[in-house]
Amino acid sequence: LSEADVQQLRTRRLFELVLTMDVREPERLPADLLARLSEEERRWVTGLTMSGAAVQPPRVCVAEIQKRRLKAELTALNLEVDALLADAQPTARDRLQTLQRRKLALAKQLEQTEDLT
């Protein structure tokens, strides 16, 4: 995951916390993690583990997180393009070209993440 992917997560603090934990004793990870969480986070994690929700493979989770970020970025770009087109200022042309190149790059990345799921 990229930093941009992690930044969008509501569970970013939990994710970052897990990355800092000592994994030499993996059987202790759940208890050690719960001990470091706030009461609200503990309730959320405990509720999630008790829900019986299907667990996806890590590659599917990573691809989904990336897709969500890419789609949000594409939406923001489209809004900016629409605003520039409505403005019709001569300086908007350069910005539109830059945005179009970024849109193409994002669309390609999104297509690649679709192939992972």
PDB file of N, CA and C in Angstrom:
ATOM      1  N   LEU A   1       0.838  -1.192   0.000  1.00  0.00           N
ATOM      2  CA  LEU A   1       0.000   0.000   0.000  1.00  0.00           C
ATOM      3  C   LEU A   1       0.875   1.245   0.000  1.00  0.00           C
ATOM      4  N   SER A   2       0.412   2.247  -0.702  1.00  0.00           N
ATOM      5  CA  SER A   2       1.136   3.516  -0.701  1.00  0.00           C
ATOM      6  C   SER A   2       0.694   4.349   0.502  1.00  0.00           C
ATOM      7  N   GLU A   3       1.441   5.396   0.778  1.00  0.00           N
ATOM      8  CA  GLU A   3       1.078   6.308   1.868  1.00  0.00           C
ATOM      9  C   GLU A   3      -0.305   6.905   1.615  1.00  0.00           C
ATOM     10  N   ALA A   4      -0.599   7.230   0.350  1.00  0.00           N
ATOM     11  CA  ALA A   4      -1.911   7.789   0.003  1.00  0.00           C
ATOM     12  C   ALA A   4      -3.028   6.785   0.297  1.00  0.00           C
ATOM     13  N   ASP A   5      -2.768   5.500   0.058  1.00  0.00           N
ATOM     14  CA  ASP A   5      -3.769   4.467   0.357  1.00  0.00           C
ATOM     15  C   ASP A   5      -4.035   4.409   1.857  1.00  0.00           C
ATOM     16  N   VAL A   6      -2.978   4.429   2.639  1.00  0.00           N
ATOM     17  CA  VAL A   6      -3.102   4.327   4.099  1.00  0.00           C
ATOM     18  C   VAL A   6      -3.803   5.564   4.668  1.00  0.00           C
ATOM     19  N   GLN A   7      -3.493   6.738   4.135  1.00  0.00           N
ATOM     20  CA  GLN A   7      -4.066   7.981   4.649  1.00  0.00           C
ATOM     21  C   GLN A   7      -5.593   8.000   4.561  1.00  0.00           C
ATOM     22  N   GLN A   8      -6.164   7.330   3.574  1.00  0.00           N
ATOM     23  CA  GLN A   8      -7.616   7.365   3.398  1.00  0.00           C
ATOM     24  C   GLN A   8      -8.366   6.415   4.337  1.00  0.00           C
ATOM     25  N   LEU A   9      -7.656   5.526   5.000  1.00  0.00           N
ATOM     26  CA  LEU A   9      -8.308   4.513   5.828  1.00  0.00           C
ATOM     27  C   LEU A   9      -8.850   5.096   7.128  1.00  0.00           C
ATOM     28  N   ARG A  10     -10.080   4.743   7.453  1.00  0.00           N
ATOM     29  CA  ARG A  10     -10.615   5.127   8.766  1.00  0.00           C
ATOM     30  C   ARG A  10      -9.868   4.398   9.872  1.00  0.00           C
ATOM     31  N   THR A  11      -9.318   3.260   9.530  1.00  0.00           N
ATOM     32  CA  THR A  11      -8.594   2.431  10.499  1.00  0.00           C
ATOM     33  C   THR A  11      -7.089   2.650  10.412  1.00  0.00           C
ATOM     34  N   ARG A  12      -6.685   3.802   9.890  1.00  0.00           N
ATOM     35  CA  ARG A  12      -5.266   4.090   9.681  1.00  0.00           C
ATOM     36  C   ARG A  12      -4.460   3.900  10.967  1.00  0.00           C
ATOM     37  N   ARG A  13      -4.956   4.394  12.082  1.00  0.00           N
ATOM     38  CA  ARG A  13      -4.213   4.279  13.342  1.00  0.00           C
ATOM     39  C   ARG A  13      -3.965   2.810  13.693  1.00  0.00           C
ATOM     40  N   LEU A  14      -4.968   1.985  13.518  1.00  0.00           N
ATOM     41  CA  LEU A  14      -4.816   0.554  13.804  1.00  0.00           C
ATOM     42  C   LEU A  14      -3.774  -0.073  12.877  1.00  0.00           C
ATOM     43  N   PHE A  15      -3.866   0.267  11.603  1.00  0.00           N
ATOM     44  CA  PHE A  15      -2.933  -0.255  10.613  1.00  0.00           C
ATOM     45  C   PHE A  15      -1.500   0.136  10.980  1.00  0.00           C
ATOM     46  N   GLU A  16      -1.292   1.410  11.295  1.00  0.00           N
ATOM     47  CA  GLU A  16       0.034   1.892  11.653  1.00  0.00           C
ATOM     48  C   GLU A  16       0.521   1.266  12.960  1.00  0.00           C
ATOM     49  N   LEU A  17      -0.383   1.059  13.889  1.00  0.00           N
ATOM     50  CA  LEU A  17      -0.040   0.431  15.162  1.00  0.00           C
ATOM     51  C   LEU A  17       0.451  -1.002  14.941  1.00  0.00           C
ATOM     52  N   VAL A  18      -0.253  -1.740  14.123  1.00  0.00           N
ATOM     53  CA  VAL A  18       0.136  -3.131  13.835  1.00  0.00           C
ATOM     54  C   VAL A  18       1.528  -3.175  13.207  1.00  0.00           C
ATOM     55  N   LEU A  19       1.815  -2.210  12.335  1.00  0.00           N
ATOM     56  CA  LEU A  19       3.123  -2.195  11.671  1.00  0.00           C
ATOM     57  C   LEU A  19       4.274  -1.967  12.645  1.00  0.00           C
ATOM     58  N   THR A  20       3.999  -1.382  13.790  1.00  0.00           N
ATOM     59  CA  THR A  20       5.057  -1.103  14.766  1.00  0.00           C
ATOM     60  C   THR A  20       5.219  -2.209  15.803  1.00  0.00           C
ATOM     61  N   MET A  21       4.367  -3.202  15.744  1.00  0.00           N
ATOM     62  CA  MET A  21       4.380  -4.234  16.781  1.00  0.00           C
ATOM     63  C   MET A  21       5.462  -5.280  16.534  1.00  0.00           C
ATOM     64  N   ASP A  22       5.904  -5.888  17.620  1.00  0.00           N
ATOM     65  CA  ASP A  22       6.908  -6.939  17.590  1.00  0.00           C
ATOM     66  C   ASP A  22       6.239  -8.244  17.152  1.00  0.00           C
ATOM     67  N   VAL A  23       6.726  -8.803  16.050  1.00  0.00           N
ATOM     68  CA  VAL A  23       6.099 -10.020  15.506  1.00  0.00           C
ATOM     69  C   VAL A  23       6.900 -11.291  15.813  1.00  0.00           C
ATOM     70  N   ARG A  24       7.857 -11.172  16.709  1.00  0.00           N
ATOM     71  CA  ARG A  24       8.645 -12.365  17.058  1.00  0.00           C
ATOM     72  C   ARG A  24       7.800 -13.393  17.787  1.00  0.00           C
ATOM     73  N   GLU A  25       6.725 -12.935  18.442  1.00  0.00           N
ATOM     74  CA  GLU A  25       5.815 -13.861  19.121  1.00  0.00           C
ATOM     75  C   GLU A  25       4.404 -13.630  18.560  1.00  0.00           C
ATOM     76  N   PRO A  26       4.117 -14.188  17.385  1.00  0.00           N
ATOM     77  CA  PRO A  26       2.844 -13.906  16.714  1.00  0.00           C
ATOM     78  C   PRO A  26       1.608 -14.285  17.521  1.00  0.00           C
ATOM     79  N   GLU A  27       1.731 -15.275  18.403  1.00  0.00           N
ATOM     80  CA  GLU A  27       0.573 -15.674  19.205  1.00  0.00           C
ATOM     81  C   GLU A  27       0.168 -14.576  20.196  1.00  0.00           C
ATOM     82  N   ARG A  28       1.073 -13.671  20.508  1.00  0.00           N
ATOM     83  CA  ARG A  28       0.780 -12.573  21.441  1.00  0.00           C
ATOM     84  C   ARG A  28       0.190 -11.347  20.739  1.00  0.00           C
ATOM     85  N   LEU A  29       0.267 -11.304  19.415  1.00  0.00           N
ATOM     86  CA  LEU A  29      -0.185 -10.117  18.682  1.00  0.00           C
ATOM     87  C   LEU A  29      -1.612  -9.688  19.007  1.00  0.00           C
ATOM     88  N   PRO A  30      -2.591 -10.585  18.979  1.00  0.00           N
ATOM     89  CA  PRO A  30      -3.959 -10.126  19.267  1.00  0.00           C
ATOM     90  C   PRO A  30      -4.100  -9.453  20.637  1.00  0.00           C
ATOM     91  N   ALA A  31      -3.551 -10.079  21.668  1.00  0.00           N
ATOM     92  CA  ALA A  31      -3.662  -9.508  23.015  1.00  0.00           C
ATOM     93  C   ALA A  31      -2.873  -8.208  23.129  1.00  0.00           C
ATOM     94  N   ASP A  32      -1.681  -8.180  22.550  1.00  0.00           N
ATOM     95  CA  ASP A  32      -0.865  -6.959  22.591  1.00  0.00           C
ATOM     96  C   ASP A  32      -1.557  -5.815  21.845  1.00  0.00           C
ATOM     97  N   LEU A  33      -2.160  -6.129  20.715  1.00  0.00           N
ATOM     98  CA  LEU A  33      -2.868  -5.101  19.947  1.00  0.00           C
ATOM     99  C   LEU A  33      -4.049  -4.551  20.746  1.00  0.00           C
ATOM    100  N   LEU A  34      -4.863  -5.437  21.278  1.00  0.00           N
ATOM    101  CA  LEU A  34      -6.024  -4.989  22.057  1.00  0.00           C
ATOM    102  C   LEU A  34      -5.609  -4.123  23.243  1.00  0.00           C
ATOM    103  N   ALA A  35      -4.483  -4.431  23.848  1.00  0.00           N
ATOM    104  CA  ALA A  35      -4.010  -3.655  24.997  1.00  0.00           C
ATOM    105  C   ALA A  35      -3.639  -2.225  24.602  1.00  0.00           C
ATOM    106  N   ARG A  36      -3.262  -2.012  23.356  1.00  0.00           N
ATOM    107  CA  ARG A  36      -2.839  -0.691  22.892  1.00  0.00           C
ATOM    108  C   ARG A  36      -3.985   0.155  22.331  1.00  0.00           C
ATOM    109  N   LEU A  37      -5.153  -0.434  22.190  1.00  0.00           N
ATOM    110  CA  LEU A  37      -6.276   0.274  21.573  1.00  0.00           C
ATOM    111  C   LEU A  37      -7.068   1.079  22.593  1.00  0.00           C
ATOM    112  N   SER A  38      -7.730   2.099  22.102  1.00  0.00           N
ATOM    113  CA  SER A  38      -8.666   2.836  22.952  1.00  0.00           C
ATOM    114  C   SER A  38      -9.887   1.946  23.171  1.00  0.00           C
ATOM    115  N   GLU A  39     -10.731   2.332  24.106  1.00  0.00           N
ATOM    116  CA  GLU A  39     -11.944   1.545  24.378  1.00  0.00           C
ATOM    117  C   GLU A  39     -12.813   1.443  23.130  1.00  0.00           C
ATOM    118  N   GLU A  40     -12.986   2.534  22.426  1.00  0.00           N
ATOM    119  CA  GLU A  40     -13.806   2.541  21.204  1.00  0.00           C
ATOM    120  C   GLU A  40     -13.206   1.629  20.136  1.00  0.00           C
ATOM    121  N   GLU A  41     -11.895   1.702  19.951  1.00  0.00           N
ATOM    122  CA  GLU A  41     -11.234   0.844  18.961  1.00  0.00           C
ATOM    123  C   GLU A  41     -11.348  -0.621  19.353  1.00  0.00           C
ATOM    124  N   ARG A  42     -11.220  -0.899  20.647  1.00  0.00           N
ATOM    125  CA  ARG A  42     -11.341  -2.274  21.138  1.00  0.00           C
ATOM    126  C   ARG A  42     -12.728  -2.838  20.833  1.00  0.00           C
ATOM    127  N   ARG A  43     -13.762  -2.016  21.089  1.00  0.00           N
ATOM    128  CA  ARG A  43     -15.137  -2.462  20.793  1.00  0.00           C
ATOM    129  C   ARG A  43     -15.307  -2.719  19.297  1.00  0.00           C
ATOM    130  N   TRP A  44     -14.744  -1.844  18.478  1.00  0.00           N
ATOM    131  CA  TRP A  44     -14.874  -1.993  17.029  1.00  0.00           C
ATOM    132  C   TRP A  44     -14.193  -3.277  16.553  1.00  0.00           C
ATOM    133  N   VAL A  45     -12.945  -3.505  17.010  1.00  0.00           N
ATOM    134  CA  VAL A  45     -12.192  -4.693  16.594  1.00  0.00           C
ATOM    135  C   VAL A  45     -12.869  -5.959  17.107  1.00  0.00           C
ATOM    136  N   THR A  46     -13.287  -5.945  18.348  1.00  0.00           N
ATOM    137  CA  THR A  46     -13.958  -7.116  18.923  1.00  0.00           C
ATOM    138  C   THR A  46     -15.265  -7.409  18.190  1.00  0.00           C
ATOM    139  N   GLY A  47     -16.032  -6.373  17.911  1.00  0.00           N
ATOM    140  CA  GLY A  47     -17.286  -6.554  17.172  1.00  0.00           C
ATOM    141  C   GLY A  47     -17.053  -7.103  15.780  1.00  0.00           C
ATOM    142  N   LEU A  48     -16.009  -6.625  15.133  1.00  0.00           N
ATOM    143  CA  LEU A  48     -15.690  -7.094  13.790  1.00  0.00           C
ATOM    144  C   LEU A  48     -15.304  -8.564  13.799  1.00  0.00           C
ATOM    145  N   THR A  49     -14.493  -8.956  14.774  1.00  0.00           N
ATOM    146  CA  THR A  49     -14.059 -10.356  14.833  1.00  0.00           C
ATOM    147  C   THR A  49     -15.209 -11.287  15.203  1.00  0.00           C
ATOM    148  N   MET A  50     -16.192 -10.776  15.936  1.00  0.00           N
ATOM    149  CA  MET A  50     -17.337 -11.595  16.339  1.00  0.00           C
ATOM    150  C   MET A  50     -18.433 -11.623  15.277  1.00  0.00           C
ATOM    151  N   SER A  51     -18.356 -10.761  14.290  1.00  0.00           N
ATOM    152  CA  SER A  51     -19.439 -10.633  13.308  1.00  0.00           C
ATOM    153  C   SER A  51     -19.527 -11.808  12.356  1.00  0.00           C
ATOM    154  N   GLY A  52     -18.453 -12.543  12.213  1.00  0.00           N
ATOM    155  CA  GLY A  52     -18.467 -13.666  11.280  1.00  0.00           C
ATOM    156  C   GLY A  52     -18.345 -13.221   9.838  1.00  0.00           C
ATOM    157  N   ALA A  53     -17.975 -11.957   9.617  1.00  0.00           N
ATOM    158  CA  ALA A  53     -17.813 -11.444   8.252  1.00  0.00           C
ATOM    159  C   ALA A  53     -16.715 -12.231   7.544  1.00  0.00           C
ATOM    160  N   ALA A  54     -16.901 -12.422   6.258  1.00  0.00           N
ATOM    161  CA  ALA A  54     -15.917 -13.157   5.473  1.00  0.00           C
ATOM    162  C   ALA A  54     -14.604 -12.383   5.416  1.00  0.00           C
ATOM    163  N   VAL A  55     -13.518 -13.099   5.593  1.00  0.00           N
ATOM    164  CA  VAL A  55     -12.192 -12.501   5.527  1.00  0.00           C
ATOM    165  C   VAL A  55     -11.645 -12.737   4.127  1.00  0.00           C
ATOM    166  N   GLN A  56     -11.196 -11.667   3.499  1.00  0.00           N
ATOM    167  CA  GLN A  56     -10.642 -11.757   2.154  1.00  0.00           C
ATOM    168  C   GLN A  56      -9.127 -11.918   2.221  1.00  0.00           C
ATOM    169  N   PRO A  57      -8.548 -12.514   1.178  1.00  0.00           N
ATOM    170  CA  PRO A  57      -7.080 -12.598   1.138  1.00  0.00           C
ATOM    171  C   PRO A  57      -6.466 -11.193   1.109  1.00  0.00           C
ATOM    172  N   PRO A  58      -5.270 -11.037   1.661  1.00  0.00           N
ATOM    173  CA  PRO A  58      -4.640  -9.709   1.693  1.00  0.00           C
ATOM    174  C   PRO A  58      -4.569  -9.021   0.337  1.00  0.00           C
ATOM    175  N   ARG A  59      -4.255  -9.750  -0.744  1.00  0.00           N
ATOM    176  CA  ARG A  59      -4.139  -9.112  -2.058  1.00  0.00           C
ATOM    177  C   ARG A  59      -5.461  -8.505  -2.505  1.00  0.00           C
ATOM    178  N   VAL A  60      -6.569  -9.141  -2.141  1.00  0.00           N
ATOM    179  CA  VAL A  60      -7.891  -8.609  -2.487  1.00  0.00           C
ATOM    180  C   VAL A  60      -8.167  -7.342  -1.679  1.00  0.00           C
ATOM    181  N   CYS A  61      -7.805  -7.360  -0.412  1.00  0.00           N
ATOM    182  CA  CYS A  61      -7.994  -6.177   0.443  1.00  0.00           C
ATOM    183  C   CYS A  61      -7.171  -4.998  -0.055  1.00  0.00           C
ATOM    184  N   VAL A  62      -5.912  -5.254  -0.386  1.00  0.00           N
ATOM    185  CA  VAL A  62      -5.034  -4.189  -0.887  1.00  0.00           C
ATOM    186  C   VAL A  62      -5.590  -3.617  -2.182  1.00  0.00           C
ATOM    187  N   ALA A  63      -6.015  -4.490  -3.086  1.00  0.00           N
ATOM    188  CA  ALA A  63      -6.564  -4.023  -4.365  1.00  0.00           C
ATOM    189  C   ALA A  63      -7.813  -3.177  -4.143  1.00  0.00           C
ATOM    190  N   GLU A  64      -8.661  -3.566  -3.212  1.00  0.00           N
ATOM    191  CA  GLU A  64      -9.888  -2.807  -2.932  1.00  0.00           C
ATOM    192  C   GLU A  64      -9.565  -1.431  -2.352  1.00  0.00           C
ATOM    193  N   ILE A  65      -8.611  -1.375  -1.446  1.00  0.00           N
ATOM    194  CA  ILE A  65      -8.194  -0.093  -0.868  1.00  0.00           C
ATOM    195  C   ILE A  65      -7.637   0.815  -1.973  1.00  0.00           C
ATOM    196  N   GLN A  66      -6.811   0.250  -2.843  1.00  0.00           N
ATOM    197  CA  GLN A  66      -6.246   1.039  -3.935  1.00  0.00           C
ATOM    198  C   GLN A  66      -7.330   1.513  -4.898  1.00  0.00           C
ATOM    199  N   LYS A  67      -8.278   0.634  -5.212  1.00  0.00           N
ATOM    200  CA  LYS A  67      -9.370   1.024  -6.109  1.00  0.00           C
ATOM    201  C   LYS A  67     -10.174   2.184  -5.542  1.00  0.00           C
ATOM    202  N   ARG A  68     -10.463   2.124  -4.260  1.00  0.00           N
ATOM    203  CA  ARG A  68     -11.238   3.201  -3.644  1.00  0.00           C
ATOM    204  C   ARG A  68     -10.509   4.536  -3.722  1.00  0.00           C
ATOM    205  N   ARG A  69      -9.199   4.517  -3.453  1.00  0.00           N
ATOM    206  CA  ARG A  69      -8.427   5.759  -3.529  1.00  0.00           C
ATOM    207  C   ARG A  69      -8.371   6.273  -4.959  1.00  0.00           C
ATOM    208  N   LEU A  70      -8.116   5.380  -5.906  1.00  0.00           N
ATOM    209  CA  LEU A  70      -8.025   5.786  -7.308  1.00  0.00           C
ATOM    210  C   LEU A  70      -9.347   6.348  -7.815  1.00  0.00           C
ATOM    211  N   LYS A  71     -10.451   5.714  -7.446  1.00  0.00           N
ATOM    212  CA  LYS A  71     -11.766   6.211  -7.863  1.00  0.00           C
ATOM    213  C   LYS A  71     -12.052   7.583  -7.262  1.00  0.00           C
ATOM    214  N   ALA A  72     -11.677   7.784  -5.997  1.00  0.00           N
ATOM    215  CA  ALA A  72     -11.880   9.089  -5.360  1.00  0.00           C
ATOM    216  C   ALA A  72     -11.027  10.150  -6.048  1.00  0.00           C
ATOM    217  N   GLU A  73      -9.796   9.793  -6.391  1.00  0.00           N
ATOM    218  CA  GLU A  73      -8.924  10.754  -7.072  1.00  0.00           C
ATOM    219  C   GLU A  73      -9.449  11.082  -8.471  1.00  0.00           C
ATOM    220  N   LEU A  74      -9.958  10.072  -9.171  1.00  0.00           N
ATOM    221  CA  LEU A  74     -10.549  10.311 -10.494  1.00  0.00           C
ATOM    222  C   LEU A  74     -11.763  11.224 -10.400  1.00  0.00           C
ATOM    223  N   THR A  75     -12.582  11.025  -9.397  1.00  0.00           N
ATOM    224  CA  THR A  75     -13.759  11.872  -9.199  1.00  0.00           C
ATOM    225  C   THR A  75     -13.335  13.319  -8.968  1.00  0.00           C
ATOM    226  N   ALA A  76     -12.322  13.521  -8.128  1.00  0.00           N
ATOM    227  CA  ALA A  76     -11.825  14.876  -7.864  1.00  0.00           C
ATOM    228  C   ALA A  76     -11.265  15.511  -9.132  1.00  0.00           C
ATOM    229  N   LEU A  77     -10.540  14.727  -9.928  1.00  0.00           N
ATOM    230  CA  LEU A  77     -10.014  15.242 -11.187  1.00  0.00           C
ATOM    231  C   LEU A  77     -11.134  15.634 -12.143  1.00  0.00           C
ATOM    232  N   ASN A  78     -12.145  14.799 -12.226  1.00  0.00           N
ATOM    233  CA  ASN A  78     -13.279  15.104 -13.111  1.00  0.00           C
ATOM    234  C   ASN A  78     -13.972  16.394 -12.696  1.00  0.00           C
ATOM    235  N   LEU A  79     -14.116  16.616 -11.402  1.00  0.00           N
ATOM    236  CA  LEU A  79     -14.722  17.863 -10.919  1.00  0.00           C
ATOM    237  C   LEU A  79     -13.870  19.068 -11.298  1.00  0.00           C
ATOM    238  N   GLU A  80     -12.554  18.923 -11.179  1.00  0.00           N
ATOM    239  CA  GLU A  80     -11.675  20.032 -11.543  1.00  0.00           C
ATOM    240  C   GLU A  80     -11.715  20.296 -13.047  1.00  0.00           C
ATOM    241  N   VAL A  81     -11.739  19.224 -13.844  1.00  0.00           N
ATOM    242  CA  VAL A  81     -11.841  19.379 -15.302  1.00  0.00           C
ATOM    243  C   VAL A  81     -13.134  20.101 -15.659  1.00  0.00           C
ATOM    244  N   ASP A  82     -14.233  19.681 -15.060  1.00  0.00           N
ATOM    245  CA  ASP A  82     -15.525  20.328 -15.333  1.00  0.00           C
ATOM    246  C   ASP A  82     -15.487  21.814 -14.995  1.00  0.00           C
ATOM    247  N   ALA A  83     -14.867  22.145 -13.865  1.00  0.00           N
ATOM    248  CA  ALA A  83     -14.775  23.555 -13.465  1.00  0.00           C
ATOM    249  C   ALA A  83     -13.914  24.344 -14.445  1.00  0.00           C
ATOM    250  N   LEU A  84     -12.808  23.754 -14.902  1.00  0.00           N
ATOM    251  CA  LEU A  84     -11.943  24.441 -15.860  1.00  0.00           C
ATOM    252  C   LEU A  84     -12.638  24.627 -17.206  1.00  0.00           C
ATOM    253  N   LEU A  85     -13.373  23.617 -17.617  1.00  0.00           N
ATOM    254  CA  LEU A  85     -14.104  23.728 -18.890  1.00  0.00           C
ATOM    255  C   LEU A  85     -15.165  24.820 -18.807  1.00  0.00           C
ATOM    256  N   ALA A  86     -15.794  24.950 -17.674  1.00  0.00           N
ATOM    257  CA  ALA A  86     -16.817  25.984 -17.495  1.00  0.00           C
ATOM    258  C   ALA A  86     -16.183  27.371 -17.449  1.00  0.00           C
ATOM    259  N   ASP A  87     -14.947  27.451 -16.951  1.00  0.00           N
ATOM    260  CA  ASP A  87     -14.248  28.735 -16.828  1.00  0.00           C
ATOM    261  C   ASP A  87     -13.777  29.251 -18.188  1.00  0.00           C
ATOM    262  N   ALA A  88     -13.252  28.364 -19.020  1.00  0.00           N
ATOM    263  CA  ALA A  88     -12.810  28.684 -20.381  1.00  0.00           C
ATOM    264  C   ALA A  88     -11.743  29.777 -20.438  1.00  0.00           C
ATOM    265  N   GLN A  89     -10.896  29.886 -19.439  1.00  0.00           N
ATOM    266  CA  GLN A  89      -9.776  30.838 -19.462  1.00  0.00           C
ATOM    267  C   GLN A  89      -8.635  30.243 -20.282  1.00  0.00           C
ATOM    268  N   PRO A  90      -7.851  31.084 -20.956  1.00  0.00           N
ATOM    269  CA  PRO A  90      -6.730  30.566 -21.757  1.00  0.00           C
ATOM    270  C   PRO A  90      -5.731  29.754 -20.918  1.00  0.00           C
ATOM    271  N   THR A  91      -5.527  30.140 -19.674  1.00  0.00           N
ATOM    272  CA  THR A  91      -4.579  29.410 -18.819  1.00  0.00           C
ATOM    273  C   THR A  91      -5.106  28.035 -18.422  1.00  0.00           C
ATOM    274  N   ALA A  92      -6.382  27.817 -18.593  1.00  0.00           N
ATOM    275  CA  ALA A  92      -6.982  26.537 -18.209  1.00  0.00           C
ATOM    276  C   ALA A  92      -6.506  25.404 -19.111  1.00  0.00           C
ATOM    277  N   ARG A  93      -6.102  25.719 -20.344  1.00  0.00           N
ATOM    278  CA  ARG A  93      -5.710  24.678 -21.294  1.00  0.00           C
ATOM    279  C   ARG A  93      -4.534  23.842 -20.783  1.00  0.00           C
ATOM    280  N   ASP A  94      -3.508  24.499 -20.246  1.00  0.00           N
ATOM    281  CA  ASP A  94      -2.348  23.770 -19.724  1.00  0.00           C
ATOM    282  C   ASP A  94      -2.752  22.867 -18.561  1.00  0.00           C
ATOM    283  N   ARG A  95      -3.567  23.409 -17.678  1.00  0.00           N
ATOM    284  CA  ARG A  95      -4.022  22.626 -16.531  1.00  0.00           C
ATOM    285  C   ARG A  95      -4.867  21.445 -16.994  1.00  0.00           C
ATOM    286  N   LEU A  96      -5.704  21.656 -18.000  1.00  0.00           N
ATOM    287  CA  LEU A  96      -6.533  20.572 -18.532  1.00  0.00           C
ATOM    288  C   LEU A  96      -5.664  19.457 -19.108  1.00  0.00           C
ATOM    289  N   GLN A  97      -4.612  19.818 -19.807  1.00  0.00           N
ATOM    290  CA  GLN A  97      -3.716  18.796 -20.359  1.00  0.00           C
ATOM    291  C   GLN A  97      -3.042  17.993 -19.243  1.00  0.00           C
ATOM    292  N   THR A  98      -2.622  18.683 -18.196  1.00  0.00           N
ATOM    293  CA  THR A  98      -2.010  18.003 -17.046  1.00  0.00           C
ATOM    294  C   THR A  98      -3.012  17.049 -16.395  1.00  0.00           C
ATOM    295  N   LEU A  99      -4.231  17.525 -16.216  1.00  0.00           N
ATOM    296  CA  LEU A  99      -5.264  16.688 -15.607  1.00  0.00           C
ATOM    297  C   LEU A  99      -5.601  15.491 -16.482  1.00  0.00           C
ATOM    298  N   GLN A 100      -5.641  15.685 -17.778  1.00  0.00           N
ATOM    299  CA  GLN A 100      -5.937  14.568 -18.691  1.00  0.00           C
ATOM    300  C   GLN A 100      -4.858  13.487 -18.588  1.00  0.00           C
ATOM    301  N   ARG A 101      -3.589  13.915 -18.525  1.00  0.00           N
ATOM    302  CA  ARG A 101      -2.503  12.929 -18.380  1.00  0.00           C
ATOM    303  C   ARG A 101      -2.647  12.170 -17.064  1.00  0.00           C
ATOM    304  N   ARG A 102      -2.985  12.881 -15.990  1.00  0.00           N
ATOM    305  CA  ARG A 102      -3.158  12.225 -14.688  1.00  0.00           C
ATOM    306  C   ARG A 102      -4.347  11.273 -14.712  1.00  0.00           C
ATOM    307  N   LYS A 103      -5.425  11.679 -15.376  1.00  0.00           N
ATOM    308  CA  LYS A 103      -6.596  10.800 -15.477  1.00  0.00           C
ATOM    309  C   LYS A 103      -6.243   9.502 -16.194  1.00  0.00           C
ATOM    310  N   LEU A 104      -5.480   9.615 -17.277  1.00  0.00           N
ATOM    311  CA  LEU A 104      -5.077   8.410 -18.013  1.00  0.00           C
ATOM    312  C   LEU A 104      -4.213   7.497 -17.142  1.00  0.00           C
ATOM    313  N   ALA A 105      -3.307   8.091 -16.387  1.00  0.00           N
ATOM    314  CA  ALA A 105      -2.450   7.295 -15.503  1.00  0.00           C
ATOM    315  C   ALA A 105      -3.276   6.615 -14.415  1.00  0.00           C
ATOM    316  N   LEU A 106      -4.218   7.349 -13.828  1.00  0.00           N
ATOM    317  CA  LEU A 106      -5.082   6.761 -12.783  1.00  0.00           C
ATOM    318  C   LEU A 106      -5.956   5.657 -13.350  1.00  0.00           C
ATOM    319  N   ALA A 107      -6.494   5.877 -14.543  1.00  0.00           N
ATOM    320  CA  ALA A 107      -7.338   4.852 -15.163  1.00  0.00           C
ATOM    321  C   ALA A 107      -6.540   3.574 -15.410  1.00  0.00           C
ATOM    322  N   LYS A 108      -5.285   3.729 -15.812  1.00  0.00           N
ATOM    323  CA  LYS A 108      -4.434   2.561 -16.034  1.00  0.00           C
ATOM    324  C   LYS A 108      -4.171   1.833 -14.712  1.00  0.00           C
ATOM    325  N   GLN A 109      -3.876   2.586 -13.645  1.00  0.00           N
ATOM    326  CA  GLN A 109      -3.658   1.969 -12.331  1.00  0.00           C
ATOM    327  C   GLN A 109      -4.915   1.256 -11.857  1.00  0.00           C
ATOM    328  N   LEU A 110      -6.063   1.882 -12.054  1.00  0.00           N
ATOM    329  CA  LEU A 110      -7.318   1.278 -11.652  1.00  0.00           C
ATOM    330  C   LEU A 110      -7.561  -0.028 -12.401  1.00  0.00           C
ATOM    331  N   GLU A 111      -7.274  -0.006 -13.677  1.00  0.00           N
ATOM    332  CA  GLU A 111      -7.420  -1.230 -14.492  1.00  0.00           C
ATOM    333  C   GLU A 111      -6.525  -2.339 -13.963  1.00  0.00           C
ATOM    334  N   GLN A 112      -5.313  -1.996 -13.557  1.00  0.00           N
ATOM    335  CA  GLN A 112      -4.382  -2.988 -13.022  1.00  0.00           C
ATOM    336  C   GLN A 112      -4.881  -3.562 -11.699  1.00  0.00           C
ATOM    337  N   THR A 113      -5.500  -2.738 -10.837  1.00  0.00           N
ATOM    338  CA  THR A 113      -6.016  -3.250  -9.576  1.00  0.00           C
ATOM    339  C   THR A 113      -7.243  -4.124  -9.812  1.00  0.00           C
ATOM    340  N   GLU A 114      -8.015  -3.812 -10.856  1.00  0.00           N
ATOM    341  CA  GLU A 114      -9.171  -4.647 -11.190  1.00  0.00           C
ATOM    342  C   GLU A 114      -8.710  -6.051 -11.547  1.00  0.00           C
ATOM    343  N   ASP A 115      -7.553  -6.161 -12.203  1.00  0.00           N
ATOM    344  CA  ASP A 115      -7.019  -7.463 -12.578  1.00  0.00           C
ATOM    345  C   ASP A 115      -6.607  -8.301 -11.371  1.00  0.00           C
ATOM    346  N   LEU A 116      -6.361  -7.651 -10.219  1.00  0.00           N
ATOM    347  CA  LEU A 116      -5.923  -8.379  -9.017  1.00  0.00           C
ATOM    348  C   LEU A 116      -7.083  -9.024  -8.273  1.00  0.00           C
ATOM    349  N   THR A 117      -8.293  -8.576  -8.533  1.00  0.00           N
ATOM    350  CA  THR A 117      -9.428  -9.113  -7.760  1.00  0.00           C
ATOM    351  C   THR A 117     -10.222 -10.111  -8.556  1.00  0.00           C
TER     352      THR A 117
END
